Amino acid sequence: MNNKYHESLFDYFKSKNEEFEERTNVPKKVIGGLLTIGFIVLIIFPGIIMEGWLVRGGAILCLLFAAGYTFLGGTDIFSKKTGGKITSMGMVKFANPERGTVPFDPEDMHIINMYNNNDWAGLADEPTADDRPMQLEIQEDKNNKILYLLLRRYVTSARLEGVTEVKVITEPEYTQIIKLFRSMKKY
């Protein structure tokens, strides 16, 4: 619908190469690699545990998870300015609007306006529910007390897009509102 906003905070971080960088977490990659090798050995020699297809089948499933963990995970986002690691605080899914509603209807605009006006208390008071189209993605740099926020919405049944600009909250506002964001129910 609206391509001028980032689809996710990860997309935002990737677009700001001068401010953020991806770093490989070597211990995660090594552990994942060792697990992958271990499950390959179990697939070839299931008799290490006990003979049978049950061990081989379980090892195949575990291999898929270990390989995914190794090759798709193991990287973190860091701020180049502060050196702080960016971590997810979760996703707040607002109860209104309901599923199946048209994007940017009055219920959407109510949430969007609160976000744009920095009405964090109002957003915290909004009811939440799982499986809803309007969602607030929250990432945090705990060491440097910085919050990154992006309001997103499912514009189709499978496409989640940003509907606002990314907000970056630093001190002194961070200290004033962090408890509010931590108290919001996340999914």
N, C-alpha and C. Protein backbone atom coordinates (compact mmCIF):
# COMPACT_ATOMS: atom_id res chain seq x y z
N MET A 1 0.82 -1.20 0.00
CA MET A 1 0.00 0.00 0.00
C MET A 1 0.86 1.26 0.00
N ASN A 2 1.64 1.41 1.07
CA ASN A 2 2.42 2.62 1.23
C ASN A 2 3.89 2.25 1.31
N ASN A 3 4.61 2.38 0.23
CA ASN A 3 5.98 1.90 0.17
C ASN A 3 7.00 2.87 0.72
N LYS A 4 6.58 4.03 1.24
CA LYS A 4 7.58 4.97 1.72
C LYS A 4 8.05 4.65 3.14
N TYR A 5 7.39 3.71 3.82
CA TYR A 5 7.79 3.33 5.17
C TYR A 5 8.51 1.98 5.13
N HIS A 6 9.34 1.75 6.13
CA HIS A 6 10.05 0.47 6.22
C HIS A 6 9.07 -0.65 6.57
N GLU A 7 9.34 -1.84 6.04
CA GLU A 7 8.47 -2.98 6.32
C GLU A 7 8.67 -3.52 7.72
N SER A 8 9.88 -3.39 8.24
CA SER A 8 10.20 -3.87 9.58
C SER A 8 11.37 -3.07 10.13
N LEU A 9 11.62 -3.22 11.42
CA LEU A 9 12.78 -2.55 12.00
C LEU A 9 14.08 -3.13 11.44
N PHE A 10 14.09 -4.43 11.15
CA PHE A 10 15.28 -5.03 10.53
C PHE A 10 15.57 -4.35 9.19
N ASP A 11 14.52 -4.09 8.42
CA ASP A 11 14.65 -3.38 7.15
C ASP A 11 15.22 -1.98 7.39
N TYR A 12 14.76 -1.32 8.44
CA TYR A 12 15.26 0.01 8.81
C TYR A 12 16.75 -0.04 9.14
N PHE A 13 17.15 -1.02 9.97
CA PHE A 13 18.56 -1.14 10.35
C PHE A 13 19.43 -1.43 9.13
N LYS A 14 18.96 -2.30 8.23
CA LYS A 14 19.72 -2.64 7.03
C LYS A 14 19.89 -1.42 6.11
N SER A 15 18.90 -0.53 6.09
CA SER A 15 18.97 0.64 5.20
C SER A 15 19.89 1.73 5.75
N LYS A 16 20.26 1.63 7.00
CA LYS A 16 21.11 2.64 7.65
C LYS A 16 22.49 2.06 7.92
N ASN A 17 23.23 1.67 6.86
CA ASN A 17 24.55 1.04 7.03
C ASN A 17 25.52 1.93 7.78
N GLU A 18 25.35 3.24 7.70
CA GLU A 18 26.27 4.13 8.39
C GLU A 18 26.04 4.15 9.90
N GLU A 19 24.87 3.69 10.34
CA GLU A 19 24.53 3.71 11.77
C GLU A 19 24.52 2.32 12.41
N PHE A 20 24.21 1.28 11.63
CA PHE A 20 24.03 -0.07 12.18
C PHE A 20 24.84 -1.08 11.38
N GLU A 21 25.21 -2.17 12.05
CA GLU A 21 25.92 -3.24 11.37
C GLU A 21 25.46 -4.59 11.91
N GLU A 22 25.54 -5.58 11.04
CA GLU A 22 25.27 -6.97 11.43
C GLU A 22 26.58 -7.60 11.84
N ARG A 23 26.58 -8.28 12.98
CA ARG A 23 27.77 -9.00 13.41
C ARG A 23 27.40 -10.46 13.60
N THR A 24 28.31 -11.31 13.18
CA THR A 24 28.11 -12.74 13.34
C THR A 24 28.43 -13.13 14.77
N ASN A 25 27.54 -13.90 15.37
CA ASN A 25 27.77 -14.41 16.71
C ASN A 25 28.44 -15.78 16.55
N VAL A 26 29.77 -15.79 16.63
CA VAL A 26 30.55 -16.99 16.34
C VAL A 26 30.18 -18.17 17.24
N PRO A 27 30.01 -17.99 18.56
CA PRO A 27 29.63 -19.15 19.37
C PRO A 27 28.31 -19.80 18.92
N LYS A 28 27.33 -18.99 18.53
CA LYS A 28 26.07 -19.55 18.03
C LYS A 28 26.29 -20.36 16.76
N LYS A 29 27.11 -19.83 15.85
CA LYS A 29 27.40 -20.54 14.61
C LYS A 29 28.14 -21.85 14.87
N VAL A 30 29.10 -21.83 15.80
CA VAL A 30 29.87 -23.04 16.11
C VAL A 30 28.97 -24.09 16.74
N ILE A 31 28.15 -23.70 17.70
CA ILE A 31 27.24 -24.65 18.35
C ILE A 31 26.28 -25.24 17.32
N GLY A 32 25.71 -24.37 16.48
CA GLY A 32 24.81 -24.86 15.43
C GLY A 32 25.51 -25.80 14.47
N GLY A 33 26.74 -25.48 14.10
CA GLY A 33 27.51 -26.35 13.20
C GLY A 33 27.80 -27.70 13.82
N LEU A 34 28.18 -27.70 15.10
CA LEU A 34 28.45 -28.97 15.79
C LEU A 34 27.18 -29.82 15.90
N LEU A 35 26.06 -29.17 16.22
CA LEU A 35 24.80 -29.92 16.27
C LEU A 35 24.44 -30.49 14.90
N THR A 36 24.63 -29.70 13.86
CA THR A 36 24.34 -30.17 12.50
C THR A 36 25.18 -31.39 12.17
N ILE A 37 26.47 -31.33 12.47
CA ILE A 37 27.36 -32.47 12.21
C ILE A 37 26.93 -33.69 13.02
N GLY A 38 26.58 -33.45 14.28
CA GLY A 38 26.14 -34.55 15.14
C GLY A 38 24.90 -35.24 14.60
N PHE A 39 23.94 -34.48 14.11
CA PHE A 39 22.72 -35.09 13.57
C PHE A 39 22.97 -35.79 12.23
N ILE A 40 23.92 -35.30 11.45
CA ILE A 40 24.29 -36.01 10.22
C ILE A 40 24.88 -37.37 10.56
N VAL A 41 25.73 -37.40 11.59
CA VAL A 41 26.32 -38.67 12.02
C VAL A 41 25.21 -39.62 12.48
N LEU A 42 24.22 -39.11 13.23
CA LEU A 42 23.12 -39.96 13.68
C LEU A 42 22.28 -40.49 12.52
N ILE A 43 22.14 -39.68 11.47
CA ILE A 43 21.38 -40.15 10.31
C ILE A 43 22.12 -41.30 9.63
N ILE A 44 23.44 -41.17 9.52
CA ILE A 44 24.24 -42.21 8.87
C ILE A 44 24.39 -43.44 9.77
N PHE A 45 24.62 -43.22 11.05
CA PHE A 45 24.82 -44.31 12.01
C PHE A 45 23.80 -44.24 13.14
N PRO A 46 22.54 -44.57 12.88
CA PRO A 46 21.53 -44.47 13.95
C PRO A 46 21.78 -45.47 15.09
N GLY A 47 22.58 -46.48 14.83
CA GLY A 47 22.85 -47.49 15.85
C GLY A 47 23.64 -46.94 17.03
N ILE A 48 24.17 -45.73 16.92
CA ILE A 48 24.87 -45.12 18.05
C ILE A 48 23.92 -45.03 19.25
N ILE A 49 22.67 -44.72 18.97
CA ILE A 49 21.66 -44.67 20.04
C ILE A 49 20.92 -46.00 20.10
N MET A 50 20.28 -46.36 18.98
CA MET A 50 19.63 -47.66 18.83
C MET A 50 19.23 -47.79 17.36
N GLU A 51 19.15 -48.99 16.88
CA GLU A 51 18.80 -49.22 15.48
C GLU A 51 17.34 -48.83 15.25
N GLY A 52 17.06 -48.37 14.06
CA GLY A 52 15.68 -48.13 13.69
C GLY A 52 15.48 -46.78 13.01
N TRP A 53 14.34 -46.71 12.35
CA TRP A 53 13.98 -45.50 11.62
C TRP A 53 13.53 -44.38 12.54
N LEU A 54 13.15 -44.71 13.75
CA LEU A 54 12.72 -43.67 14.68
C LEU A 54 13.88 -42.72 15.00
N VAL A 55 15.04 -43.27 15.26
CA VAL A 55 16.22 -42.45 15.55
C VAL A 55 16.61 -41.65 14.30
N ARG A 56 16.61 -42.31 13.16
CA ARG A 56 16.98 -41.64 11.91
C ARG A 56 15.99 -40.51 11.58
N GLY A 57 14.71 -40.78 11.74
CA GLY A 57 13.68 -39.76 11.48
C GLY A 57 13.81 -38.57 12.42
N GLY A 58 14.02 -38.86 13.72
CA GLY A 58 14.22 -37.78 14.68
C GLY A 58 15.47 -36.96 14.37
N ALA A 59 16.53 -37.65 13.95
CA ALA A 59 17.78 -36.96 13.61
C ALA A 59 17.59 -36.07 12.38
N ILE A 60 16.78 -36.51 11.43
CA ILE A 60 16.50 -35.69 10.24
C ILE A 60 15.77 -34.41 10.63
N LEU A 61 14.75 -34.54 11.48
CA LEU A 61 14.04 -33.35 11.95
C LEU A 61 14.96 -32.41 12.71
N CYS A 62 15.75 -32.96 13.61
CA CYS A 62 16.67 -32.14 14.38
C CYS A 62 17.73 -31.50 13.48
N LEU A 63 18.16 -32.21 12.45
CA LEU A 63 19.12 -31.67 11.51
C LEU A 63 18.56 -30.42 10.82
N LEU A 64 17.30 -30.49 10.43
CA LEU A 64 16.68 -29.33 9.78
C LEU A 64 16.68 -28.11 10.69
N PHE A 65 16.32 -28.31 11.96
CA PHE A 65 16.33 -27.20 12.91
C PHE A 65 17.74 -26.69 13.16
N ALA A 66 18.69 -27.58 13.35
CA ALA A 66 20.08 -27.18 13.62
C ALA A 66 20.67 -26.44 12.42
N ALA A 67 20.41 -26.94 11.22
CA ALA A 67 20.94 -26.28 10.02
C ALA A 67 20.31 -24.90 9.85
N GLY A 68 19.01 -24.80 10.10
CA GLY A 68 18.34 -23.49 10.03
C GLY A 68 18.91 -22.52 11.05
N TYR A 69 19.12 -23.01 12.26
CA TYR A 69 19.71 -22.19 13.32
C TYR A 69 21.10 -21.71 12.93
N THR A 70 21.87 -22.60 12.33
CA THR A 70 23.25 -22.27 11.96
C THR A 70 23.31 -21.28 10.81
N PHE A 71 22.54 -21.51 9.76
CA PHE A 71 22.68 -20.70 8.57
C PHE A 71 21.77 -19.48 8.54
N LEU A 72 20.64 -19.52 9.23
CA LEU A 72 19.73 -18.38 9.22
C LEU A 72 19.87 -17.50 10.46
N GLY A 73 20.38 -18.06 11.53
CA GLY A 73 20.54 -17.30 12.77
C GLY A 73 21.99 -16.96 13.00
N GLY A 74 22.26 -16.54 14.20
CA GLY A 74 23.65 -16.30 14.57
C GLY A 74 24.18 -14.94 14.20
N THR A 75 23.31 -14.01 13.78
CA THR A 75 23.75 -12.64 13.53
C THR A 75 22.93 -11.70 14.40
N ASP A 76 23.56 -10.64 14.82
CA ASP A 76 22.91 -9.63 15.65
C ASP A 76 23.14 -8.26 15.04
N ILE A 77 22.26 -7.32 15.35
CA ILE A 77 22.40 -5.94 14.89
C ILE A 77 23.02 -5.12 16.02
N PHE A 78 24.01 -4.31 15.68
CA PHE A 78 24.67 -3.43 16.63
C PHE A 78 24.68 -2.00 16.10
N SER A 79 24.62 -1.04 17.00
CA SER A 79 24.75 0.37 16.64
C SER A 79 26.23 0.68 16.47
N LYS A 80 26.59 1.29 15.35
CA LYS A 80 27.98 1.67 15.13
C LYS A 80 28.38 2.84 16.03
N LYS A 81 27.41 3.71 16.33
CA LYS A 81 27.70 4.89 17.16
C LYS A 81 27.99 4.51 18.60
N THR A 82 27.14 3.65 19.16
CA THR A 82 27.24 3.35 20.59
C THR A 82 27.86 1.99 20.87
N GLY A 83 27.86 1.11 19.87
CA GLY A 83 28.36 -0.25 20.07
C GLY A 83 27.36 -1.16 20.74
N GLY A 84 26.17 -0.65 21.05
CA GLY A 84 25.15 -1.43 21.74
C GLY A 84 24.45 -2.42 20.83
N LYS A 85 24.09 -3.56 21.41
CA LYS A 85 23.36 -4.60 20.69
C LYS A 85 21.87 -4.25 20.70
N ILE A 86 21.23 -4.38 19.54
CA ILE A 86 19.81 -4.11 19.40
C ILE A 86 19.07 -5.44 19.61
N THR A 87 18.15 -5.46 20.58
CA THR A 87 17.39 -6.68 20.88
C THR A 87 15.90 -6.40 20.77
N SER A 88 15.15 -7.44 20.50
CA SER A 88 13.71 -7.31 20.36
C SER A 88 13.03 -7.30 21.73
N MET A 89 12.10 -6.38 21.90
CA MET A 89 11.24 -6.37 23.10
C MET A 89 9.92 -7.06 22.79
N GLY A 90 9.67 -7.35 21.53
CA GLY A 90 8.45 -8.05 21.17
C GLY A 90 7.55 -7.23 20.26
N MET A 91 6.37 -7.77 20.03
CA MET A 91 5.38 -7.17 19.15
C MET A 91 4.08 -7.00 19.92
N VAL A 92 3.56 -5.78 19.96
CA VAL A 92 2.28 -5.50 20.59
C VAL A 92 1.23 -5.55 19.48
N LYS A 93 0.21 -6.39 19.66
CA LYS A 93 -0.84 -6.52 18.65
C LYS A 93 -2.11 -5.94 19.22
N PHE A 94 -2.56 -4.84 18.64
CA PHE A 94 -3.73 -4.13 19.16
C PHE A 94 -5.02 -4.86 18.77
N ALA A 95 -5.96 -4.92 19.72
CA ALA A 95 -7.22 -5.65 19.51
C ALA A 95 -8.06 -5.00 18.40
N ASN A 96 -7.97 -3.71 18.28
CA ASN A 96 -8.71 -3.02 17.22
C ASN A 96 -7.69 -2.37 16.31
N PRO A 97 -7.86 -2.50 15.05
CA PRO A 97 -8.98 -2.99 14.28
C PRO A 97 -9.03 -4.52 14.23
N GLU A 98 -10.19 -5.01 13.90
CA GLU A 98 -10.41 -6.46 13.76
C GLU A 98 -9.74 -6.96 12.50
N ARG A 99 -9.57 -8.27 12.44
CA ARG A 99 -9.06 -8.89 11.21
C ARG A 99 -10.07 -8.66 10.09
N GLY A 100 -9.54 -8.50 8.88
CA GLY A 100 -10.41 -8.35 7.71
C GLY A 100 -10.85 -6.93 7.44
N THR A 101 -10.43 -5.97 8.26
CA THR A 101 -10.83 -4.59 8.02
C THR A 101 -9.93 -3.95 6.98
N VAL A 102 -10.39 -2.89 6.39
CA VAL A 102 -9.66 -2.18 5.35
C VAL A 102 -8.55 -1.34 6.00
N PRO A 103 -7.33 -1.39 5.46
CA PRO A 103 -6.26 -0.55 6.02
C PRO A 103 -6.61 0.94 5.99
N PHE A 104 -6.17 1.65 7.00
CA PHE A 104 -6.34 3.08 7.16
C PHE A 104 -7.80 3.50 7.36
N ASP A 105 -8.60 2.59 7.97
CA ASP A 105 -9.96 2.97 8.35
C ASP A 105 -9.87 3.77 9.66
N PRO A 106 -10.98 4.26 10.20
CA PRO A 106 -10.92 5.09 11.42
C PRO A 106 -10.26 4.40 12.62
N GLU A 107 -10.45 3.08 12.78
CA GLU A 107 -9.80 2.38 13.89
C GLU A 107 -8.29 2.35 13.71
N ASP A 108 -7.83 2.17 12.48
CA ASP A 108 -6.40 2.24 12.19
C ASP A 108 -5.87 3.63 12.51
N MET A 109 -6.58 4.63 12.04
CA MET A 109 -6.12 6.01 12.21
C MET A 109 -6.07 6.41 13.68
N HIS A 110 -6.93 5.84 14.50
CA HIS A 110 -6.90 6.10 15.95
C HIS A 110 -5.54 5.67 16.53
N ILE A 111 -5.11 4.45 16.19
CA ILE A 111 -3.82 3.93 16.66
C ILE A 111 -2.68 4.73 16.04
N ILE A 112 -2.74 4.99 14.74
CA ILE A 112 -1.69 5.73 14.04
C ILE A 112 -1.53 7.13 14.63
N ASN A 113 -2.64 7.80 14.90
CA ASN A 113 -2.56 9.15 15.47
C ASN A 113 -1.94 9.15 16.86
N MET A 114 -2.28 8.16 17.69
CA MET A 114 -1.65 8.08 19.01
C MET A 114 -0.14 7.89 18.86
N TYR A 115 0.26 7.02 17.94
CA TYR A 115 1.68 6.77 17.70
C TYR A 115 2.38 8.05 17.21
N ASN A 116 1.78 8.71 16.22
CA ASN A 116 2.39 9.91 15.65
C ASN A 116 2.46 11.05 16.67
N ASN A 117 1.52 11.09 17.63
CA ASN A 117 1.51 12.13 18.65
C ASN A 117 2.25 11.74 19.92
N ASN A 118 2.98 10.62 19.86
CA ASN A 118 3.74 10.11 21.02
C ASN A 118 2.87 9.91 22.25
N ASP A 119 1.64 9.48 22.05
CA ASP A 119 0.73 9.19 23.15
C ASP A 119 0.97 7.75 23.61
N TRP A 120 2.09 7.54 24.29
CA TRP A 120 2.49 6.20 24.69
C TRP A 120 1.56 5.63 25.75
N ALA A 121 1.06 6.47 26.64
CA ALA A 121 0.11 6.00 27.66
C ALA A 121 -1.18 5.53 26.99
N GLY A 122 -1.64 6.26 25.99
CA GLY A 122 -2.84 5.86 25.25
C GLY A 122 -2.65 4.53 24.54
N LEU A 123 -1.48 4.34 23.93
CA LEU A 123 -1.20 3.06 23.27
C LEU A 123 -1.13 1.93 24.28
N ALA A 124 -0.54 2.20 25.44
CA ALA A 124 -0.44 1.16 26.48
C ALA A 124 -1.81 0.77 27.01
N ASP A 125 -2.76 1.70 26.98
CA ASP A 125 -4.13 1.42 27.46
C ASP A 125 -4.99 0.71 26.43
N GLU A 126 -4.55 0.71 25.18
CA GLU A 126 -5.33 0.03 24.14
C GLU A 126 -5.36 -1.47 24.40
N PRO A 127 -6.52 -2.10 24.24
CA PRO A 127 -6.58 -3.56 24.42
C PRO A 127 -5.75 -4.27 23.36
N THR A 128 -5.18 -5.42 23.73
CA THR A 128 -4.37 -6.21 22.81
C THR A 128 -5.02 -7.57 22.60
N ALA A 129 -4.68 -8.19 21.49
CA ALA A 129 -5.15 -9.53 21.18
C ALA A 129 -4.23 -10.14 20.13
N ASP A 130 -4.09 -11.43 20.18
CA ASP A 130 -3.24 -12.10 19.20
C ASP A 130 -3.96 -12.15 17.86
N ASP A 131 -3.18 -12.29 16.79
CA ASP A 131 -3.72 -12.46 15.44
C ASP A 131 -4.52 -11.24 14.98
N ARG A 132 -3.94 -10.06 15.16
CA ARG A 132 -4.59 -8.81 14.74
C ARG A 132 -3.71 -8.07 13.75
N PRO A 133 -4.30 -7.23 12.90
CA PRO A 133 -3.53 -6.61 11.83
C PRO A 133 -2.61 -5.46 12.26
N MET A 134 -2.99 -4.67 13.26
CA MET A 134 -2.18 -3.49 13.66
C MET A 134 -1.22 -3.89 14.76
N GLN A 135 0.09 -3.72 14.51
CA GLN A 135 1.12 -4.21 15.44
C GLN A 135 2.21 -3.18 15.63
N LEU A 136 2.70 -3.10 16.85
CA LEU A 136 3.81 -2.21 17.20
C LEU A 136 5.05 -3.06 17.45
N GLU A 137 6.06 -2.90 16.59
CA GLU A 137 7.32 -3.62 16.75
C GLU A 137 8.24 -2.77 17.62
N ILE A 138 8.85 -3.39 18.64
CA ILE A 138 9.71 -2.66 19.58
C ILE A 138 11.07 -3.35 19.66
N GLN A 139 12.13 -2.58 19.41
CA GLN A 139 13.50 -3.05 19.56
C GLN A 139 14.20 -2.09 20.53
N GLU A 140 15.20 -2.61 21.24
CA GLU A 140 15.82 -1.80 22.28
C GLU A 140 17.34 -1.99 22.29
N ASP A 141 18.04 -0.91 22.55
CA ASP A 141 19.47 -0.91 22.86
C ASP A 141 19.54 -0.60 24.36
N LYS A 142 19.55 -1.66 25.18
CA LYS A 142 19.48 -1.49 26.64
C LYS A 142 20.66 -0.71 27.20
N ASN A 143 21.87 -1.00 26.72
CA ASN A 143 23.05 -0.36 27.27
C ASN A 143 23.04 1.15 27.07
N ASN A 144 22.53 1.58 25.94
CA ASN A 144 22.56 3.01 25.62
C ASN A 144 21.20 3.67 25.75
N LYS A 145 20.22 2.92 26.25
CA LYS A 145 18.88 3.44 26.54
C LYS A 145 18.26 4.12 25.32
N ILE A 146 18.06 3.28 24.28
CA ILE A 146 17.44 3.75 23.05
C ILE A 146 16.35 2.74 22.66
N LEU A 147 15.18 3.25 22.31
CA LEU A 147 14.08 2.42 21.80
C LEU A 147 13.86 2.74 20.33
N TYR A 148 13.55 1.69 19.56
CA TYR A 148 13.20 1.83 18.16
C TYR A 148 11.79 1.28 18.01
N LEU A 149 10.88 2.07 17.46
CA LEU A 149 9.48 1.68 17.34
C LEU A 149 9.02 1.80 15.89
N LEU A 150 8.19 0.86 15.47
CA LEU A 150 7.59 0.92 14.15
C LEU A 150 6.19 0.33 14.22
N LEU A 151 5.22 1.10 13.77
CA LEU A 151 3.84 0.65 13.70
C LEU A 151 3.64 -0.01 12.34
N ARG A 152 3.17 -1.27 12.37
CA ARG A 152 3.00 -2.06 11.15
C ARG A 152 1.57 -2.57 11.07
N ARG A 153 1.16 -2.93 9.84
CA ARG A 153 -0.19 -3.45 9.64
C ARG A 153 -0.18 -4.46 8.51
N TYR A 154 -1.01 -5.50 8.67
CA TYR A 154 -1.23 -6.42 7.56
C TYR A 154 -2.12 -5.70 6.56
N VAL A 155 -1.60 -5.48 5.37
CA VAL A 155 -2.38 -4.83 4.32
C VAL A 155 -3.07 -5.86 3.44
N THR A 156 -2.57 -7.09 3.46
CA THR A 156 -3.25 -8.24 2.88
C THR A 156 -3.13 -9.34 3.93
N SER A 157 -3.69 -10.50 3.64
CA SER A 157 -3.62 -11.57 4.63
C SER A 157 -2.20 -12.07 4.86
N ALA A 158 -1.28 -11.74 3.96
CA ALA A 158 0.09 -12.24 4.10
C ALA A 158 1.15 -11.14 4.05
N ARG A 159 0.76 -9.90 3.90
CA ARG A 159 1.75 -8.81 3.74
C ARG A 159 1.65 -7.81 4.88
N LEU A 160 2.72 -7.77 5.68
CA LEU A 160 2.83 -6.84 6.80
C LEU A 160 3.73 -5.69 6.38
N GLU A 161 3.24 -4.45 6.48
CA GLU A 161 4.01 -3.28 6.07
C GLU A 161 4.01 -2.23 7.16
N GLY A 162 5.05 -1.41 7.16
CA GLY A 162 5.09 -0.27 8.05
C GLY A 162 4.08 0.77 7.60
N VAL A 163 3.39 1.39 8.55
CA VAL A 163 2.41 2.42 8.21
C VAL A 163 2.80 3.77 8.80
N THR A 164 3.96 3.83 9.46
CA THR A 164 4.45 5.08 10.04
C THR A 164 5.97 5.11 9.92
N GLU A 165 6.52 6.26 10.24
CA GLU A 165 7.97 6.40 10.32
C GLU A 165 8.48 5.65 11.55
N VAL A 166 9.73 5.25 11.52
CA VAL A 166 10.38 4.64 12.68
C VAL A 166 10.62 5.75 13.70
N LYS A 167 10.26 5.49 14.95
CA LYS A 167 10.53 6.44 16.04
C LYS A 167 11.73 5.93 16.82
N VAL A 168 12.65 6.84 17.10
CA VAL A 168 13.82 6.53 17.90
C VAL A 168 13.71 7.35 19.18
N ILE A 169 13.61 6.67 20.30
CA ILE A 169 13.42 7.34 21.59
C ILE A 169 14.69 7.17 22.42
N THR A 170 15.23 8.29 22.84
CA THR A 170 16.46 8.30 23.64
C THR A 170 16.18 8.97 24.98
N GLU A 171 17.23 9.10 25.78
CA GLU A 171 17.11 9.78 27.08
C GLU A 171 16.75 11.24 26.85
N PRO A 172 16.02 11.88 27.71
CA PRO A 172 15.46 11.42 28.98
C PRO A 172 14.10 10.72 28.83
N GLU A 173 13.50 10.78 27.61
CA GLU A 173 12.18 10.17 27.41
C GLU A 173 12.22 8.66 27.62
N TYR A 174 13.33 8.02 27.25
CA TYR A 174 13.47 6.57 27.41
C TYR A 174 13.17 6.15 28.85
N THR A 175 13.82 6.79 29.81
CA THR A 175 13.64 6.43 31.22
C THR A 175 12.20 6.65 31.67
N GLN A 176 11.54 7.65 31.12
CA GLN A 176 10.17 7.97 31.51
C GLN A 176 9.17 6.94 31.01
N ILE A 177 9.45 6.31 29.85
CA ILE A 177 8.43 5.44 29.25
C ILE A 177 8.80 3.97 29.16
N ILE A 178 10.03 3.60 29.49
CA ILE A 178 10.44 2.20 29.29
C ILE A 178 9.59 1.23 30.09
N LYS A 179 9.20 1.58 31.30
CA LYS A 179 8.35 0.69 32.11
C LYS A 179 6.99 0.49 31.44
N LEU A 180 6.50 1.54 30.82
CA LEU A 180 5.23 1.46 30.11
C LEU A 180 5.31 0.46 28.96
N PHE A 181 6.39 0.51 28.19
CA PHE A 181 6.55 -0.41 27.07
C PHE A 181 6.80 -1.84 27.55
N ARG A 182 7.51 -1.98 28.64
CA ARG A 182 7.75 -3.33 29.18
C ARG A 182 6.47 -3.94 29.75
N SER A 183 5.53 -3.09 30.18
CA SER A 183 4.29 -3.60 30.76
C SER A 183 3.27 -3.99 29.69
N MET A 184 3.46 -3.54 28.46
CA MET A 184 2.50 -3.87 27.40
C MET A 184 2.59 -5.35 27.06
N LYS A 185 1.45 -5.98 26.84
CA LYS A 185 1.42 -7.40 26.50
C LYS A 185 1.96 -7.61 25.10
N LYS A 186 2.94 -8.50 24.98
CA LYS A 186 3.60 -8.77 23.71
C LYS A 186 3.29 -10.18 23.23
N TYR A 187 3.34 -10.36 21.94
CA TYR A 187 3.07 -11.67 21.33
C TYR A 187 4.24 -12.13 20.53
